C-alpha atoms as a PDB file:
ATOM      1  CA  MET A   1      88.431 112.832  80.793  1.00  0.00           C
ATOM      2  CA  ASN A   2      90.327 110.574  78.442  1.00  0.00           C
ATOM      3  CA  LYS A   3      93.134 113.144  78.344  1.00  0.00           C
ATOM      4  CA  PHE A   4      94.573 111.346  81.379  1.00  0.00           C
ATOM      5  CA  PHE A   5      95.316 108.251  79.351  1.00  0.00           C
ATOM      6  CA  LYS A   6      96.407 110.237  76.316  1.00  0.00           C
ATOM      7  CA  VAL A   7      99.009 112.005  78.437  1.00  0.00           C
ATOM      8  CA  LEU A   8     100.311 108.785  79.984  1.00  0.00           C
ATOM      9  CA  SER A   9     100.328 106.687  76.852  1.00  0.00           C
ATOM     10  CA  VAL A  10      99.089 107.998  73.532  1.00  0.00           C
ATOM     11  CA  GLY A  11     100.656 111.375  74.203  1.00  0.00           C
ATOM     12  CA  ALA A  12     104.024 109.681  74.258  1.00  0.00           C
ATOM     13  CA  LEU A  13     103.086 107.480  71.354  1.00  0.00           C
ATOM     14  CA  ALA A  14     102.505 110.607  69.304  1.00  0.00           C
ATOM     15  CA  LEU A  15     106.225 110.641  68.714  1.00  0.00           C
ATOM     16  CA  THR A  16     105.500 108.069  66.021  1.00  0.00           C
ATOM     17  CA  LEU A  17     103.120 110.244  64.004  1.00  0.00           C
ATOM     18  CA  ALA A  18     105.526 110.958  61.171  1.00  0.00           C
ATOM     19  CA  ALA A  19     106.959 107.436  61.035  1.00  0.00           C
ATOM     20  CA  CYS A  20     108.140 105.793  57.883  1.00  0.00           C
ATOM     21  CA  ASN A  21     106.218 102.892  56.370  1.00  0.00           C
ATOM     22  CA  SER A  22     108.473 100.084  57.573  1.00  0.00           C
ATOM     23  CA  SER A  23     107.210  97.412  59.972  1.00  0.00           C
ATOM     24  CA  ALA A  24     108.685  96.744  63.401  1.00  0.00           C
ATOM     25  CA  THR A  25     112.030  94.947  63.560  1.00  0.00           C
ATOM     26  CA  PRO A  26     111.603  91.578  65.342  1.00  0.00           C
ATOM     27  CA  LYS A  27     113.663  91.216  68.502  1.00  0.00           C
ATOM     28  CA  LYS A  28     115.581  87.999  69.140  1.00  0.00           C
ATOM     29  CA  ASP A  29     113.475  84.813  69.277  1.00  0.00           C
ATOM     30  CA  THR A  30     110.348  86.572  67.972  1.00  0.00           C
ATOM     31  CA  THR A  31     108.251  84.215  65.830  1.00  0.00           C
ATOM     32  CA  ASN A  32     104.880  85.985  65.846  1.00  0.00           C
ATOM     33  CA  THR A  33     105.695  88.912  63.573  1.00  0.00           C
ATOM     34  CA  SER A  34     103.458  91.730  62.386  1.00  0.00           C
ATOM     35  CA  LYS A  35     103.738  93.790  59.209  1.00  0.00           C
ATOM     36  CA  LEU A  36     101.909  96.812  60.629  1.00  0.00           C
ATOM     37  CA  THR A  37     103.791 100.064  60.210  1.00  0.00           C
ATOM     38  CA  LEU A  38     104.523 102.487  62.997  1.00  0.00           C
ATOM     39  CA  GLU A  39     101.815 104.843  61.756  1.00  0.00           C
ATOM     40  CA  GLN A  40      99.245 102.027  61.685  1.00  0.00           C
ATOM     41  CA  VAL A  41     100.118 100.984  65.240  1.00  0.00           C
ATOM     42  CA  TYR A  42      99.809 104.596  66.346  1.00  0.00           C
ATOM     43  CA  GLU A  43      96.368 105.013  64.791  1.00  0.00           C
ATOM     44  CA  LYS A  44      95.065 101.802  66.360  1.00  0.00           C
ATOM     45  CA  ALA A  45      96.421 102.749  69.771  1.00  0.00           C
ATOM     46  CA  VAL A  46      94.770 106.183  69.585  1.00  0.00           C
ATOM     47  CA  GLU A  47      91.480 104.563  68.596  1.00  0.00           C
ATOM     48  CA  ARG A  48      91.768 102.161  71.525  1.00  0.00           C
ATOM     49  CA  GLN A  49      92.280 105.019  74.014  1.00  0.00           C
ATOM     50  CA  SER A  50      88.803 106.396  73.307  1.00  0.00           C
ATOM     51  CA  ASP A  51      87.351 103.141  74.663  1.00  0.00           C
ATOM     52  CA  ILE A  52      89.286 103.149  77.946  1.00  0.00           C
ATOM     53  CA  LYS A  53      87.154 104.315  80.864  1.00  0.00           C
ATOM     54  CA  SER A  54      89.253 102.953  83.741  1.00  0.00           C
ATOM     55  CA  THR A  55      92.569 101.297  84.473  1.00  0.00           C
ATOM     56  CA  THR A  56      94.960 100.240  87.210  1.00  0.00           C
ATOM     57  CA  ALA A  57      98.535 101.486  87.212  1.00  0.00           C
ATOM     58  CA  LYS A  58     101.590 100.502  89.223  1.00  0.00           C
ATOM     59  CA  MET A  59     104.235 103.224  89.458  1.00  0.00           C
ATOM     60  CA  GLU A  60     107.819 102.790  90.631  1.00  0.00           C
ATOM     61  CA  LEU A  61     110.108 105.811  90.754  1.00  0.00           C
ATOM     62  CA  THR A  62     113.648 106.442  91.960  1.00  0.00           C
ATOM     63  CA  GLN A  63     115.252 109.871  91.877  1.00  0.00           C
ATOM     64  CA  ASP A  64     118.851 110.486  92.911  1.00  0.00           C
ATOM     65  CA  SER A  65     119.721 114.146  93.341  1.00  0.00           C
ATOM     66  CA  LYS A  66     122.771 116.237  94.117  1.00  0.00           C
ATOM     67  CA  VAL A  67     122.655 119.921  94.995  1.00  0.00           C
ATOM     68  CA  GLU A  68     125.797 122.062  94.920  1.00  0.00           C
ATOM     69  CA  ALA A  69     126.073 125.600  96.269  1.00  0.00           C
ATOM     70  CA  GLY A  70     129.612 126.938  96.187  1.00  0.00           C
ATOM     71  CA  GLU A  71     131.830 124.472  98.046  1.00  0.00           C
ATOM     72  CA  GLN A  72     128.884 122.810  99.768  1.00  0.00           C
ATOM     73  CA  SER A  73     127.001 119.846  98.335  1.00  0.00           C
ATOM     74  CA  MET A  74     124.193 117.550  99.408  1.00  0.00           C
ATOM     75  CA  GLU A  75     123.025 114.237  97.962  1.00  0.00           C
ATOM     76  CA  PHE A  76     119.700 112.532  98.572  1.00  0.00           C
ATOM     77  CA  SER A  77     117.369 109.943  97.075  1.00  0.00           C
ATOM     78  CA  ILE A  78     113.602 109.662  96.827  1.00  0.00           C
ATOM     79  CA  LYS A  79     111.827 106.397  96.057  1.00  0.00           C
ATOM     80  CA  SER A  80     108.139 105.775  95.629  1.00  0.00           C
ATOM     81  CA  ASN A  81     105.959 102.760  94.929  1.00  0.00           C
ATOM     82  CA  MET A  82     102.336 103.486  94.136  1.00  0.00           C
ATOM     83  CA  ASP A  83      99.240 101.577  93.080  1.00  0.00           C
ATOM     84  CA  MET A  84      96.511 103.640  91.448  1.00  0.00           C
ATOM     85  CA  ASP A  85      92.982 103.019  90.218  1.00  0.00           C
ATOM     86  CA  VAL A  86      91.547 105.605  87.835  1.00  0.00           C
ATOM     87  CA  VAL A  87      88.067 106.143  86.412  1.00  0.00           C
ATOM     88  CA  THR A  88      87.597 108.869  83.814  1.00  0.00           C
ATOM     89  CA  ASP A  89      83.919 109.868  84.041  1.00  0.00           C
ATOM     90  CA  PRO A  90      83.477 111.372  86.500  1.00  0.00           C
ATOM     91  CA  ILE A  91      87.212 111.618  87.103  1.00  0.00           C
ATOM     92  CA  ALA A  92      88.148 109.698  90.263  1.00  0.00           C
ATOM     93  CA  MET A  93      91.298 108.127  91.706  1.00  0.00           C
ATOM     94  CA  HIS A  94      92.439 105.985  94.590  1.00  0.00           C
ATOM     95  CA  LEU A  95      96.186 106.043  95.150  1.00  0.00           C
ATOM     96  CA  SER A  96      98.057 104.032  97.786  1.00  0.00           C
ATOM     97  CA  GLY A  97     101.671 103.129  98.426  1.00  0.00           C
ATOM     98  CA  SER A  98     104.718 104.643 100.047  1.00  0.00           C
ATOM     99  CA  MET A  99     107.452 107.191  99.516  1.00  0.00           C
ATOM    100  CA  THR A 100     110.943 106.928 100.997  1.00  0.00           C
ATOM    101  CA  MET A 101     112.820 110.195 101.407  1.00  0.00           C
ATOM    102  CA  PRO A 102     115.511 111.699 103.656  1.00  0.00           C
ATOM    103  CA  ASP A 103     114.575 113.499 106.843  1.00  0.00           C
ATOM    104  CA  MET A 104     116.198 116.876 106.204  1.00  0.00           C
ATOM    105  CA  ALA A 105     115.723 117.862 109.850  1.00  0.00           C
ATOM    106  CA  SER A 106     117.911 115.040 111.163  1.00  0.00           C
ATOM    107  CA  ALA A 107     121.685 115.320 111.342  1.00  0.00           C
ATOM    108  CA  ASP A 108     122.332 112.165 109.313  1.00  0.00           C
ATOM    109  CA  GLN A 109     119.346 112.689 106.972  1.00  0.00           C
ATOM    110  CA  LYS A 110     118.190 109.147 107.654  1.00  0.00           C
ATOM    111  CA  SER A 111     115.590 107.957 105.172  1.00  0.00           C
ATOM    112  CA  THR A 112     111.999 107.755 106.284  1.00  0.00           C
ATOM    113  CA  GLU A 113     109.249 105.696 104.668  1.00  0.00           C
ATOM    114  CA  ILE A 114     105.964 107.600 104.420  1.00  0.00           C
ATOM    115  CA  PRO A 115     102.775 105.611 103.732  1.00  0.00           C
ATOM    116  CA  ILE A 116     100.414 107.310 101.285  1.00  0.00           C
ATOM    117  CA  ASP A 117      96.680 106.789 100.895  1.00  0.00           C
ATOM    118  CA  MET A 118      94.412 109.247  99.085  1.00  0.00           C
ATOM    119  CA  TYR A 119      91.114 109.483  97.262  1.00  0.00           C
ATOM    120  CA  MET A 120      90.079 112.062  94.685  1.00  0.00           C
ATOM    121  CA  LYS A 121      86.664 112.368  93.080  1.00  0.00           C
ATOM    122  CA  LYS A 122      85.269 115.257  91.087  1.00  0.00           C
ATOM    123  CA  ASP A 123      81.976 115.619  92.965  1.00  0.00           C
ATOM    124  CA  GLN A 124      83.330 114.785  96.446  1.00  0.00           C
ATOM    125  CA  GLY A 125      86.824 116.262  96.792  1.00  0.00           C
ATOM    126  CA  PHE A 126      90.371 115.301  97.729  1.00  0.00           C
ATOM    127  CA  PHE A 127      90.978 113.197 100.858  1.00  0.00           C
ATOM    128  CA  MET A 128      94.372 112.226 102.285  1.00  0.00           C
ATOM    129  CA  LYS A 129      95.242 110.040 105.276  1.00  0.00           C
ATOM    130  CA  ASP A 130      97.698 111.193 107.931  1.00  0.00           C
ATOM    131  CA  GLU A 131      99.363 107.936 108.962  1.00  0.00           C
ATOM    132  CA  ALA A 132     100.876 109.495 112.087  1.00  0.00           C
ATOM    133  CA  THR A 133      97.453 110.224 113.593  1.00  0.00           C
ATOM    134  CA  ASN A 134      95.410 107.722 111.561  1.00  0.00           C
ATOM    135  CA  ASN A 135      93.076 110.589 110.618  1.00  0.00           C
ATOM    136  CA  TRP A 136      91.725 111.602 107.229  1.00  0.00           C
ATOM    137  CA  PHE A 137      91.838 115.173 105.984  1.00  0.00           C
ATOM    138  CA  LYS A 138      89.893 116.893 103.235  1.00  0.00           C
ATOM    139  CA  LEU A 139      92.128 119.239 101.301  1.00  0.00           C
ATOM    140  CA  PRO A 140      90.991 122.599  99.886  1.00  0.00           C
ATOM    141  CA  SER A 141      89.213 122.522  96.548  1.00  0.00           C
ATOM    142  CA  GLU A 142      91.954 124.520  94.824  1.00  0.00           C
ATOM    143  CA  GLN A 143      94.472 121.794  95.684  1.00  0.00           C
ATOM    144  CA  PHE A 144      92.133 119.238  94.136  1.00  0.00           C
ATOM    145  CA  ASP A 145      91.938 121.324  90.965  1.00  0.00           C
ATOM    146  CA  ASP A 146      95.723 121.726  90.819  1.00  0.00           C
ATOM    147  CA  ILE A 147      96.352 117.997  91.155  1.00  0.00           C
ATOM    148  CA  MET A 148      93.700 117.141  88.613  1.00  0.00           C
ATOM    149  CA  GLU A 149      95.217 119.635  86.214  1.00  0.00           C
ATOM    150  CA  GLN A 150      98.619 117.985  86.616  1.00  0.00           C
ATOM    151  CA  THR A 151      97.233 114.457  86.270  1.00  0.00           C
ATOM    152  CA  ALA A 152      94.863 115.066  83.389  1.00  0.00           C
ATOM    153  CA  SER A 153      96.878 117.551  81.398  1.00  0.00           C
ATOM    154  CA  SER A 154      94.993 120.151  79.419  1.00  0.00           C
ATOM    155  CA  ALA A 155      97.766 120.471  76.863  1.00  0.00           C
ATOM    156  CA  ASP A 156      96.732 120.996  73.283  1.00  0.00           C
ATOM    157  CA  ALA A 157      97.007 117.505  71.766  1.00  0.00           C
ATOM    158  CA  LYS A 158      97.372 118.791  68.203  1.00  0.00           C
ATOM    159  CA  ALA A 159     100.188 121.148  69.163  1.00  0.00           C
ATOM    160  CA  GLN A 160     101.869 118.343  71.087  1.00  0.00           C
ATOM    161  CA  LEU A 161     101.759 116.063  68.056  1.00  0.00           C
ATOM    162  CA  GLU A 162     103.304 118.737  65.866  1.00  0.00           C
ATOM    163  CA  GLN A 163     106.101 119.191  68.385  1.00  0.00           C
ATOM    164  CA  LEU A 164     106.835 115.535  69.051  1.00  0.00           C
ATOM    165  CA  LYS A 165     106.877 114.309  65.483  1.00  0.00           C
ATOM    166  CA  ASN A 166     110.117 116.229  64.960  1.00  0.00           C
ATOM    167  CA  TYR A 167     111.939 113.561  66.964  1.00  0.00           C
ATOM    168  CA  ILE A 168     110.721 110.489  65.062  1.00  0.00           C
ATOM    169  CA  LYS A 169     114.126 109.961  63.465  1.00  0.00           C
ATOM    170  CA  ASP A 170     115.477 109.156  66.923  1.00  0.00           C
ATOM    171  CA  PHE A 171     113.056 106.305  67.709  1.00  0.00           C
ATOM    172  CA  LYS A 172     113.482 102.576  67.206  1.00  0.00           C
ATOM    173  CA  PHE A 173     110.415 100.498  66.270  1.00  0.00           C
ATOM    174  CA  GLU A 174     110.661  96.823  67.305  1.00  0.00           C
ATOM    175  CA  GLN A 175     108.391  93.927  68.163  1.00  0.00           C
ATOM    176  CA  THR A 176     108.269  90.811  70.321  1.00  0.00           C
ATOM    177  CA  ASP A 177     105.716  88.016  70.102  1.00  0.00           C
ATOM    178  CA  ASN A 178     103.239  90.011  72.202  1.00  0.00           C
ATOM    179  CA  ALA A 179     104.148  93.694  71.974  1.00  0.00           C
ATOM    180  CA  TYR A 180     105.376  96.595  69.877  1.00  0.00           C
ATOM    181  CA  ILE A 181     108.389  98.323  71.454  1.00  0.00           C
ATOM    182  CA  LEU A 182     109.170 102.010  70.860  1.00  0.00           C
ATOM    183  CA  THR A 183     112.525 103.200  72.198  1.00  0.00           C
ATOM    184  CA  LEU A 184     114.175 106.598  72.383  1.00  0.00           C
ATOM    185  CA  ASP A 185     117.800 107.077  73.476  1.00  0.00           C
ATOM    186  CA  ALA A 186     118.759 110.713  73.264  1.00  0.00           C
ATOM    187  CA  LYS A 187     120.629 113.580  74.793  1.00  0.00           C
ATOM    188  CA  GLY A 188     121.353 117.211  74.081  1.00  0.00           C
ATOM    189  CA  ASP A 189     119.676 120.577  73.881  1.00  0.00           C
ATOM    190  CA  GLU A 190     117.438 119.648  70.951  1.00  0.00           C
ATOM    191  CA  PHE A 191     115.249 117.635  73.344  1.00  0.00           C
ATOM    192  CA  LYS A 192     114.582 120.473  75.785  1.00  0.00           C
ATOM    193  CA  GLU A 193     111.184 121.140  74.253  1.00  0.00           C
ATOM    194  CA  LEU A 194     110.058 117.637  75.241  1.00  0.00           C
ATOM    195  CA  ILE A 195     110.037 118.654  78.905  1.00  0.00           C
ATOM    196  CA  ASP A 196     109.614 122.406  78.524  1.00  0.00           C
ATOM    197  CA  SER A 197     106.036 122.660  79.836  1.00  0.00           C
ATOM    198  CA  GLU A 198     106.510 120.445  82.883  1.00  0.00           C
ATOM    199  CA  ILE A 199     109.713 122.139  84.062  1.00  0.00           C
ATOM    200  CA  SER A 200     108.309 125.605  83.426  1.00  0.00           C
ATOM    201  CA  LYS A 201     105.274 124.819  85.567  1.00  0.00           C
ATOM    202  CA  SER A 202     107.430 123.399  88.373  1.00  0.00           C
ATOM    203  CA  MET A 203     109.619 126.496  88.380  1.00  0.00           C
ATOM    204  CA  LYS A 204     106.544 128.723  88.536  1.00  0.00           C
ATOM    205  CA  ASP A 205     105.131 126.702  91.446  1.00  0.00           C
ATOM    206  CA  MET A 206     108.393 127.282  93.333  1.00  0.00           C
ATOM    207  CA  GLY A 207     108.125 131.032  92.736  1.00  0.00           C
ATOM    208  CA  LEU A 208     111.091 131.149  90.370  1.00  0.00           C
ATOM    209  CA  GLU A 209     110.789 133.376  87.327  1.00  0.00           C
ATOM    210  CA  GLU A 210     113.921 132.381  85.426  1.00  0.00           C
ATOM    211  CA  ASN A 211     113.464 130.593  82.153  1.00  0.00           C
ATOM    212  CA  PRO A 212     114.373 127.011  83.168  1.00  0.00           C
ATOM    213  CA  LEU A 213     115.503 126.037  79.686  1.00  0.00           C
ATOM    214  CA  ASP A 214     118.218 128.666  79.787  1.00  0.00           C
ATOM    215  CA  ASN A 215     119.901 126.746  82.600  1.00  0.00           C
ATOM    216  CA  LEU A 216     119.025 123.161  81.715  1.00  0.00           C
ATOM    217  CA  THR A 217     121.373 120.495  80.380  1.00  0.00           C
ATOM    218  CA  ILE A 218     120.007 117.104  79.332  1.00  0.00           C
ATOM    219  CA  ASP A 219     122.586 114.364  79.751  1.00  0.00           C
ATOM    220  CA  LYS A 220     120.326 111.445  78.823  1.00  0.00           C
ATOM    221  CA  ILE A 221     116.767 110.494  77.905  1.00  0.00           C
ATOM    222  CA  HIS A 222     115.774 106.831  77.683  1.00  0.00           C
ATOM    223  CA  TYR A 223     112.139 106.115  76.907  1.00  0.00           C
ATOM    224  CA  VAL A 224     110.547 102.711  76.238  1.00  0.00           C
ATOM    225  CA  LEU A 225     106.872 102.309  75.384  1.00  0.00           C
ATOM    226  CA  GLU A 226     105.160  98.906  75.070  1.00  0.00           C
ATOM    227  CA  ILE A 227     101.935  98.403  73.072  1.00  0.00           C
ATOM    228  CA  ASP A 228      99.991  95.138  73.261  1.00  0.00           C
ATOM    229  CA  LYS A 229      99.810  93.520  69.814  1.00  0.00           C
ATOM    230  CA  LYS A 230      96.266  92.198  70.199  1.00  0.00           C
ATOM    231  CA  THR A 231      94.479  94.984  72.058  1.00  0.00           C
ATOM    232  CA  PHE A 232      96.741  97.988  71.282  1.00  0.00           C
ATOM    233  CA  ASP A 233      96.651  98.919  74.955  1.00  0.00           C
ATOM    234  CA  THR A 234      99.671 100.837  76.217  1.00  0.00           C
ATOM    235  CA  THR A 235     100.852  98.414  78.908  1.00  0.00           C
ATOM    236  CA  LYS A 236     104.179  99.852  80.069  1.00  0.00           C
ATOM    237  CA  MET A 237     106.198 103.048  80.084  1.00  0.00           C
ATOM    238  CA  ASP A 238     109.854 102.943  81.160  1.00  0.00           C
ATOM    239  CA  MET A 239     111.475 106.365  81.442  1.00  0.00           C
ATOM    240  CA  ASN A 240     114.995 107.318  82.530  1.00  0.00           C
ATOM    241  CA  PHE A 241     116.386 110.810  82.269  1.00  0.00           C
ATOM    242  CA  ASP A 242     119.441 112.579  83.654  1.00  0.00           C
ATOM    243  CA  LEU A 243     119.588 116.356  83.740  1.00  0.00           C
ATOM    244  CA  LYS A 244     121.330 119.297  85.344  1.00  0.00           C
ATOM    245  CA  MET A 245     119.725 122.610  86.162  1.00  0.00           C
ATOM    246  CA  LYS A 246     120.977 125.836  87.671  1.00  0.00           C
ATOM    247  CA  ILE A 247     118.509 127.510  90.012  1.00  0.00           C
ATOM    248  CA  GLU A 248     119.727 130.888  91.223  1.00  0.00           C
ATOM    249  CA  ASN A 249     123.155 130.127  92.822  1.00  0.00           C
ATOM    250  CA  GLN A 250     122.669 126.381  93.068  1.00  0.00           C
ATOM    251  CA  GLU A 251     123.140 123.535  90.628  1.00  0.00           C
ATOM    252  CA  LEU A 252     120.783 120.578  90.771  1.00  0.00           C
ATOM    253  CA  GLU A 253     121.712 117.248  89.202  1.00  0.00           C
ATOM    254  CA  THR A 254     119.039 114.533  89.045  1.00  0.00           C
ATOM    255  CA  LYS A 255     118.848 110.985  87.750  1.00  0.00           C
ATOM    256  CA  THR A 256     115.285 109.756  87.502  1.00  0.00           C
ATOM    257  CA  LYS A 257     114.062 106.226  86.765  1.00  0.00           C
ATOM    258  CA  SER A 258     110.339 105.650  86.408  1.00  0.00           C
ATOM    259  CA  VAL A 259     108.352 102.572  85.390  1.00  0.00           C
ATOM    260  CA  VAL A 260     104.565 102.665  84.968  1.00  0.00           C
ATOM    261  CA  THR A 261     102.682  99.441  84.240  1.00  0.00           C
ATOM    262  CA  PHE A 262      99.021  99.520  83.175  1.00  0.00           C
ATOM    263  CA  THR A 263      96.642  96.589  83.783  1.00  0.00           C
ATOM    264  CA  GLU A 264      92.958  95.808  84.272  1.00  0.00           C
ATOM    265  CA  PHE A 265      91.548  98.073  81.589  1.00  0.00           C
ATOM    266  CA  ASN A 266      87.855  98.958  81.972  1.00  0.00           C
ATOM    267  CA  HIS A 267      87.422  96.828  85.104  1.00  0.00           C
ATOM    268  CA  LEU A 268      85.951  99.628  87.235  1.00  0.00           C
ATOM    269  CA  LYS A 269      82.688 101.506  86.713  1.00  0.00           C
ATOM    270  CA  THR A 270      83.280 103.909  89.584  1.00  0.00           C
ATOM    271  CA  ILE A 271      85.537 104.605  92.557  1.00  0.00           C
ATOM    272  CA  ASP A 272      83.581 105.166  95.747  1.00  0.00           C
ATOM    273  CA  ILE A 273      85.131 107.028  98.664  1.00  0.00           C
ATOM    274  CA  PRO A 274      84.093 105.225 101.877  1.00  0.00           C
ATOM    275  CA  GLN A 275      81.333 107.175 103.612  1.00  0.00           C
ATOM    276  CA  GLU A 276      83.211 106.925 106.913  1.00  0.00           C
ATOM    277  CA  ILE A 277      86.074 108.939 105.399  1.00  0.00           C
ATOM    278  CA  ILE A 278      83.724 111.602 104.037  1.00  0.00           C
ATOM    279  CA  ASP A 279      81.848 111.933 107.340  1.00  0.00           C
ATOM    280  CA  ASN A 280      84.891 112.044 109.622  1.00  0.00           C
ATOM    281  CA  ALA A 281      87.530 113.845 107.542  1.00  0.00           C
ATOM    282  CA  GLN A 282      88.941 117.008 109.081  1.00  0.00           C
ATOM    283  CA  SER A 283      89.341 120.106 106.957  1.00  0.00           C
ATOM    284  CA  THR A 284      92.839 121.470 106.432  1.00  0.00           C
ATOM    285  CA  PRO A 285      93.477 125.220 106.780  1.00  0.00           C
ATOM    286  CA  GLN A 286      92.714 127.247 103.652  1.00  0.00           C
END
């Protein structure tokens, strides 16, 4: 199930596949320089991913949105802070944290913080805690499959590489004493294909049949990837993107900032769901 890590790290790193043979430009005050080329760093990082069986990730996300429909408009923000442990074989996760979002039912749309705690394991299922009642629920198997599909993407890696290498001219390749830094600053329609599959799936899940790319404008993409110089682990992904999309008679404008930090590689052999949760979890309606 190493596709999970390839999607989160090496999948993005694939943008370097067609890199030139120059080494990384040292950032200010860098004394420990490397002469490895972008292609060499890419190959070593890919090789490293095959050895990763587990990791811990910290995810911080902020999304500011504005929806306009005629003369009416609404603005809201969603923030989430998550800690996640992942084991790849068999695929298992424990995710905990919180999400802050507006209460659409209230007059002032006051923000509410929602604690989140969930376990997922291939041979046991998907369990989520309801903080309001302090009860655990076991979700239907199809929901487990959907979430696993989203998390461990089944995208064709070869096709993805062929698509992403077209943007290599837009990347910077730099280095500090401890890391290689890959940075993309971009905007415009030529980058729509980078997010085509994800947006198309989201539109389908919402029951919308329009081609999302026909109504999508990308104002900004900022992507920073950090690779450890010694281990070639992907240790951090910093992603900002601003976009506008028309959905039926509404226009949605979003500004998303996401930072994912990876630590503790290969520290877990398994993730065990507490037996008390398995025994006492209530089933949700099918």
